[in-house]
């Protein structure tokens, strides 16, 4: 089963998304970008789902750091965020994100996006 690293500082959001992804993917979690980087280094991940605004390390910085790891050069990264400004999207793209989904979104639509990219 493909493994998704779900990164969001909101426990409620992580729980909603874990429920939506249950049975389709193996979901591991992190609460911020630094934890995501630590998990990426210690585990093997097939897909990253990152919030943008988080404490310690934001999602865009995390995406940039993940892309520096040779084993994740082409692993899909999708930003799942309340941010909708074009300049933030461009920042995410420059950091290595492959997609940008604005919250709130329907979990089923997010699942479709993930399945297309993984």
N, C-alpha and C. Protein backbone atom coordinates (compact mmCIF):
# COMPACT_ATOMS: atom_id res chain seq x y z
N UNK A 1 0.84 -1.17 0.00
CA UNK A 1 0.00 0.00 0.00
C UNK A 1 0.90 1.25 0.00
N UNK A 2 0.55 2.22 -0.84
CA UNK A 2 1.30 3.46 -0.94
C UNK A 2 1.18 4.26 0.36
N UNK A 3 2.27 4.93 0.71
CA UNK A 3 2.32 5.66 1.97
C UNK A 3 2.26 7.17 1.73
N UNK A 4 1.34 7.83 2.45
CA UNK A 4 1.17 9.28 2.38
C UNK A 4 1.61 9.88 3.70
N UNK A 5 2.40 10.94 3.61
CA UNK A 5 2.75 11.71 4.80
C UNK A 5 1.83 12.92 4.83
N UNK A 6 0.94 12.95 5.81
CA UNK A 6 -0.05 13.99 6.00
C UNK A 6 0.48 14.96 7.05
N UNK A 7 0.66 16.22 6.65
CA UNK A 7 1.28 17.19 7.54
C UNK A 7 0.36 18.39 7.72
N UNK A 8 -0.14 18.55 8.95
CA UNK A 8 -1.02 19.67 9.27
C UNK A 8 -0.96 19.88 10.78
N UNK A 9 -0.93 21.12 11.22
CA UNK A 9 -0.89 21.38 12.66
C UNK A 9 -2.25 21.20 13.32
N UNK A 10 -3.29 21.03 12.55
CA UNK A 10 -4.63 20.82 13.10
C UNK A 10 -4.93 19.32 13.21
N UNK A 11 -5.11 18.88 14.45
CA UNK A 11 -5.47 17.48 14.69
C UNK A 11 -6.79 17.15 14.01
N UNK A 12 -7.74 18.07 14.06
CA UNK A 12 -9.06 17.82 13.45
C UNK A 12 -8.94 17.59 11.94
N UNK A 13 -8.16 18.42 11.27
CA UNK A 13 -7.95 18.25 9.81
C UNK A 13 -7.28 16.92 9.53
N UNK A 14 -6.25 16.59 10.29
CA UNK A 14 -5.57 15.30 10.08
C UNK A 14 -6.54 14.14 10.27
N UNK A 15 -7.40 14.21 11.28
CA UNK A 15 -8.35 13.12 11.53
C UNK A 15 -9.36 12.99 10.39
N UNK A 16 -9.87 14.11 9.89
CA UNK A 16 -10.80 14.07 8.76
C UNK A 16 -10.14 13.44 7.54
N UNK A 17 -8.92 13.87 7.25
CA UNK A 17 -8.23 13.36 6.07
C UNK A 17 -7.83 11.90 6.24
N UNK A 18 -7.40 11.52 7.43
CA UNK A 18 -7.07 10.11 7.66
C UNK A 18 -8.28 9.23 7.42
N UNK A 19 -9.44 9.67 7.85
CA UNK A 19 -10.67 8.92 7.64
C UNK A 19 -10.95 8.78 6.14
N UNK A 20 -10.77 9.87 5.40
CA UNK A 20 -11.02 9.84 3.95
C UNK A 20 -10.04 8.94 3.22
N UNK A 21 -8.81 8.86 3.71
CA UNK A 21 -7.77 8.09 3.03
C UNK A 21 -7.67 6.65 3.53
N UNK A 22 -8.36 6.35 4.62
CA UNK A 22 -8.30 5.03 5.24
C UNK A 22 -8.68 3.93 4.24
N UNK A 23 -7.88 2.90 4.21
CA UNK A 23 -8.14 1.78 3.33
C UNK A 23 -7.56 1.94 1.94
N UNK A 24 -7.32 3.18 1.53
CA UNK A 24 -6.73 3.45 0.21
C UNK A 24 -5.21 3.59 0.29
N UNK A 25 -4.75 4.17 1.41
CA UNK A 25 -3.33 4.48 1.59
C UNK A 25 -2.94 4.24 3.04
N UNK A 26 -1.67 4.01 3.23
CA UNK A 26 -1.09 3.96 4.56
C UNK A 26 -0.74 5.42 4.91
N UNK A 27 -1.35 5.98 5.94
CA UNK A 27 -1.16 7.40 6.27
C UNK A 27 -0.31 7.52 7.52
N UNK A 28 0.78 8.28 7.39
CA UNK A 28 1.57 8.66 8.55
C UNK A 28 1.42 10.17 8.71
N UNK A 29 1.66 10.66 9.91
CA UNK A 29 1.35 12.06 10.21
C UNK A 29 2.53 12.83 10.78
N UNK A 30 2.44 14.15 10.60
CA UNK A 30 3.35 15.08 11.25
C UNK A 30 2.57 16.36 11.51
N UNK A 31 2.98 17.09 12.56
CA UNK A 31 2.28 18.31 12.95
C UNK A 31 2.90 19.59 12.40
N UNK A 32 4.10 19.49 11.85
CA UNK A 32 4.76 20.66 11.28
C UNK A 32 5.82 20.22 10.28
N UNK A 33 6.39 21.18 9.59
CA UNK A 33 7.35 20.86 8.54
C UNK A 33 8.59 20.16 9.03
N UNK A 34 9.07 20.51 10.21
CA UNK A 34 10.27 19.85 10.75
C UNK A 34 9.98 18.38 11.03
N UNK A 35 8.83 18.10 11.63
CA UNK A 35 8.46 16.70 11.87
C UNK A 35 8.32 15.95 10.54
N UNK A 36 7.79 16.63 9.52
CA UNK A 36 7.65 16.01 8.20
C UNK A 36 9.02 15.64 7.65
N UNK A 37 9.96 16.54 7.77
CA UNK A 37 11.32 16.27 7.28
C UNK A 37 11.94 15.10 8.05
N UNK A 38 11.75 15.09 9.35
CA UNK A 38 12.26 13.97 10.16
C UNK A 38 11.64 12.65 9.72
N UNK A 39 10.32 12.63 9.50
CA UNK A 39 9.64 11.41 9.05
C UNK A 39 10.11 10.99 7.66
N UNK A 40 10.30 11.97 6.79
CA UNK A 40 10.76 11.67 5.42
C UNK A 40 12.14 11.04 5.44
N UNK A 41 12.98 11.48 6.36
CA UNK A 41 14.33 10.92 6.48
C UNK A 41 14.33 9.53 7.07
N UNK A 42 13.38 9.24 7.97
CA UNK A 42 13.39 7.96 8.66
C UNK A 42 12.46 6.92 8.04
N UNK A 43 11.67 7.33 7.07
CA UNK A 43 10.66 6.45 6.48
C UNK A 43 10.75 6.53 4.96
N UNK A 44 9.94 5.78 4.29
CA UNK A 44 9.82 5.86 2.84
C UNK A 44 8.41 6.33 2.52
N UNK A 45 8.30 7.46 1.83
CA UNK A 45 7.02 8.09 1.57
C UNK A 45 6.76 8.15 0.06
N UNK A 46 5.51 7.89 -0.34
CA UNK A 46 5.14 7.92 -1.76
C UNK A 46 4.42 9.19 -2.16
N UNK A 47 3.96 9.98 -1.18
CA UNK A 47 3.18 11.18 -1.47
C UNK A 47 3.20 12.07 -0.24
N UNK A 48 3.38 13.37 -0.45
CA UNK A 48 3.36 14.34 0.64
C UNK A 48 2.15 15.25 0.49
N UNK A 49 1.42 15.43 1.57
CA UNK A 49 0.29 16.34 1.63
C UNK A 49 0.61 17.33 2.75
N UNK A 50 0.94 18.57 2.37
CA UNK A 50 1.47 19.55 3.32
C UNK A 50 0.56 20.77 3.46
N UNK A 51 0.29 21.13 4.70
CA UNK A 51 -0.33 22.42 4.99
C UNK A 51 0.74 23.48 4.77
N UNK A 52 0.35 24.72 4.50
CA UNK A 52 1.33 25.79 4.32
C UNK A 52 1.66 26.45 5.65
N UNK A 53 0.65 26.90 6.37
CA UNK A 53 0.87 27.66 7.59
C UNK A 53 0.92 26.75 8.81
N UNK A 54 2.15 26.53 9.31
CA UNK A 54 2.35 25.68 10.48
C UNK A 54 3.48 26.27 11.32
N UNK A 55 3.48 25.95 12.61
CA UNK A 55 4.59 26.39 13.45
C UNK A 55 5.87 25.59 13.16
N UNK A 56 6.96 26.03 13.67
CA UNK A 56 8.28 25.42 13.59
C UNK A 56 8.85 25.53 12.18
N UNK A 57 8.23 24.88 11.20
CA UNK A 57 8.62 24.99 9.79
C UNK A 57 7.36 24.92 8.96
N UNK A 58 7.15 25.92 8.09
CA UNK A 58 5.95 25.93 7.25
C UNK A 58 6.06 24.91 6.12
N UNK A 59 4.96 24.69 5.44
CA UNK A 59 4.91 23.68 4.39
C UNK A 59 5.77 23.98 3.18
N UNK A 60 5.88 25.25 2.82
CA UNK A 60 6.70 25.61 1.66
C UNK A 60 8.18 25.34 1.95
N UNK A 61 8.61 25.71 3.15
CA UNK A 61 10.00 25.41 3.55
C UNK A 61 10.22 23.91 3.61
N UNK A 62 9.23 23.17 4.11
CA UNK A 62 9.35 21.71 4.17
C UNK A 62 9.46 21.12 2.78
N UNK A 63 8.64 21.60 1.84
CA UNK A 63 8.71 21.10 0.46
C UNK A 63 10.10 21.35 -0.12
N UNK A 64 10.64 22.52 0.12
CA UNK A 64 11.99 22.86 -0.37
C UNK A 64 13.03 21.89 0.19
N UNK A 65 12.92 21.59 1.48
CA UNK A 65 13.87 20.68 2.12
C UNK A 65 13.67 19.24 1.66
N UNK A 66 12.44 18.83 1.48
CA UNK A 66 12.15 17.47 0.99
C UNK A 66 12.75 17.28 -0.40
N UNK A 67 12.64 18.28 -1.25
CA UNK A 67 13.19 18.18 -2.60
C UNK A 67 14.71 18.06 -2.62
N UNK A 68 15.36 18.49 -1.55
CA UNK A 68 16.82 18.36 -1.46
C UNK A 68 17.25 16.92 -1.19
N UNK A 69 16.31 16.09 -0.72
CA UNK A 69 16.61 14.69 -0.44
C UNK A 69 16.50 13.90 -1.75
N UNK A 70 17.56 13.25 -2.13
CA UNK A 70 17.60 12.59 -3.45
C UNK A 70 16.48 11.57 -3.65
N UNK A 71 16.07 10.88 -2.61
CA UNK A 71 15.02 9.86 -2.78
C UNK A 71 13.64 10.46 -3.03
N UNK A 72 13.49 11.78 -2.87
CA UNK A 72 12.19 12.42 -3.07
C UNK A 72 12.20 13.45 -4.20
N UNK A 73 13.13 13.31 -5.12
CA UNK A 73 13.22 14.26 -6.23
C UNK A 73 11.97 14.32 -7.09
N UNK A 74 11.26 13.22 -7.23
CA UNK A 74 10.06 13.21 -8.08
C UNK A 74 8.81 12.75 -7.34
N UNK A 75 8.89 12.63 -6.03
CA UNK A 75 7.73 12.23 -5.23
C UNK A 75 6.71 13.37 -5.23
N UNK A 76 5.44 13.08 -5.50
CA UNK A 76 4.44 14.15 -5.52
C UNK A 76 4.29 14.86 -4.18
N UNK A 77 4.22 16.18 -4.25
CA UNK A 77 3.95 17.03 -3.09
C UNK A 77 2.76 17.90 -3.45
N UNK A 78 1.72 17.83 -2.62
CA UNK A 78 0.55 18.69 -2.80
C UNK A 78 0.39 19.53 -1.54
N UNK A 79 0.20 20.82 -1.75
CA UNK A 79 -0.06 21.74 -0.65
C UNK A 79 -1.57 21.77 -0.44
N UNK A 80 -2.00 21.54 0.79
CA UNK A 80 -3.42 21.60 1.16
C UNK A 80 -3.55 22.71 2.19
N UNK A 81 -4.13 23.83 1.79
CA UNK A 81 -4.04 25.03 2.60
C UNK A 81 -5.23 25.97 2.42
N UNK A 82 -5.37 26.89 3.35
CA UNK A 82 -6.36 27.95 3.21
C UNK A 82 -5.82 29.08 2.34
N UNK A 83 -4.55 29.06 2.04
CA UNK A 83 -3.91 30.09 1.22
C UNK A 83 -4.37 29.96 -0.23
N UNK A 84 -4.86 31.04 -0.80
CA UNK A 84 -5.29 30.98 -2.21
C UNK A 84 -4.61 32.04 -3.06
N UNK A 85 -3.76 32.85 -2.46
CA UNK A 85 -3.09 33.91 -3.22
C UNK A 85 -2.11 33.31 -4.23
N UNK A 86 -2.11 33.91 -5.42
CA UNK A 86 -1.25 33.40 -6.49
C UNK A 86 0.23 33.45 -6.12
N UNK A 87 0.66 34.48 -5.40
CA UNK A 87 2.08 34.56 -5.06
C UNK A 87 2.49 33.41 -4.15
N UNK A 88 1.60 32.96 -3.26
CA UNK A 88 1.91 31.81 -2.41
C UNK A 88 1.96 30.52 -3.24
N UNK A 89 1.05 30.41 -4.20
CA UNK A 89 1.08 29.25 -5.10
C UNK A 89 2.41 29.19 -5.86
N UNK A 90 2.85 30.33 -6.34
CA UNK A 90 4.11 30.39 -7.07
C UNK A 90 5.29 30.02 -6.16
N UNK A 91 5.23 30.47 -4.91
CA UNK A 91 6.25 30.09 -3.93
C UNK A 91 6.27 28.57 -3.75
N UNK A 92 5.09 27.99 -3.63
CA UNK A 92 4.99 26.55 -3.47
C UNK A 92 5.54 25.80 -4.68
N UNK A 93 5.20 26.28 -5.85
CA UNK A 93 5.69 25.66 -7.08
C UNK A 93 7.22 25.75 -7.15
N UNK A 94 7.75 26.91 -6.81
CA UNK A 94 9.20 27.10 -6.83
C UNK A 94 9.90 26.20 -5.81
N UNK A 95 9.20 25.88 -4.72
CA UNK A 95 9.76 25.01 -3.69
C UNK A 95 9.68 23.53 -4.07
N UNK A 96 8.91 23.21 -5.12
CA UNK A 96 8.83 21.84 -5.59
C UNK A 96 7.46 21.19 -5.48
N UNK A 97 6.45 21.96 -5.08
CA UNK A 97 5.10 21.39 -4.98
C UNK A 97 4.54 21.11 -6.37
N UNK A 98 3.86 19.99 -6.51
CA UNK A 98 3.24 19.60 -7.77
C UNK A 98 1.80 20.04 -7.88
N UNK A 99 1.19 20.38 -6.75
CA UNK A 99 -0.21 20.77 -6.76
C UNK A 99 -0.56 21.63 -5.57
N UNK A 100 -1.73 22.26 -5.66
CA UNK A 100 -2.19 23.20 -4.63
C UNK A 100 -3.69 23.03 -4.50
N UNK A 101 -4.15 22.61 -3.33
CA UNK A 101 -5.57 22.43 -3.08
C UNK A 101 -5.96 23.35 -1.93
N UNK A 102 -7.03 24.12 -2.13
CA UNK A 102 -7.46 25.08 -1.12
C UNK A 102 -8.50 24.44 -0.20
N UNK A 103 -8.27 24.58 1.12
CA UNK A 103 -9.22 24.12 2.13
C UNK A 103 -10.30 25.18 2.29
N UNK A 104 -11.49 24.81 2.62
CA UNK A 104 -11.94 23.42 2.77
C UNK A 104 -12.18 22.79 1.41
N UNK A 105 -11.97 21.51 1.35
CA UNK A 105 -12.24 20.78 0.11
C UNK A 105 -12.93 19.48 0.49
N UNK A 106 -13.62 18.93 -0.46
CA UNK A 106 -14.28 17.65 -0.24
C UNK A 106 -13.21 16.55 -0.19
N UNK A 107 -13.20 15.73 0.86
CA UNK A 107 -12.21 14.66 0.94
C UNK A 107 -12.19 13.75 -0.29
N UNK A 108 -13.37 13.52 -0.88
CA UNK A 108 -13.44 12.65 -2.07
C UNK A 108 -12.69 13.28 -3.25
N UNK A 109 -12.78 14.60 -3.39
CA UNK A 109 -12.06 15.28 -4.48
C UNK A 109 -10.56 15.23 -4.24
N UNK A 110 -10.15 15.38 -2.98
CA UNK A 110 -8.74 15.28 -2.65
C UNK A 110 -8.23 13.87 -2.96
N UNK A 111 -9.02 12.87 -2.64
CA UNK A 111 -8.65 11.48 -2.93
C UNK A 111 -8.45 11.28 -4.43
N UNK A 112 -9.31 11.88 -5.24
CA UNK A 112 -9.16 11.80 -6.70
C UNK A 112 -7.83 12.43 -7.14
N UNK A 113 -7.50 13.58 -6.59
CA UNK A 113 -6.24 14.26 -6.94
C UNK A 113 -5.05 13.37 -6.59
N UNK A 114 -5.07 12.81 -5.40
CA UNK A 114 -3.97 11.95 -4.96
C UNK A 114 -3.84 10.75 -5.88
N UNK A 115 -4.94 10.08 -6.19
CA UNK A 115 -4.89 8.89 -7.04
C UNK A 115 -4.34 9.20 -8.42
N UNK A 116 -4.63 10.40 -8.94
CA UNK A 116 -4.10 10.78 -10.26
C UNK A 116 -2.61 11.00 -10.22
N UNK A 117 -2.09 11.46 -9.09
CA UNK A 117 -0.69 11.84 -9.01
C UNK A 117 0.23 10.75 -8.51
N UNK A 118 -0.32 9.77 -7.79
CA UNK A 118 0.56 8.80 -7.14
C UNK A 118 0.95 7.64 -8.05
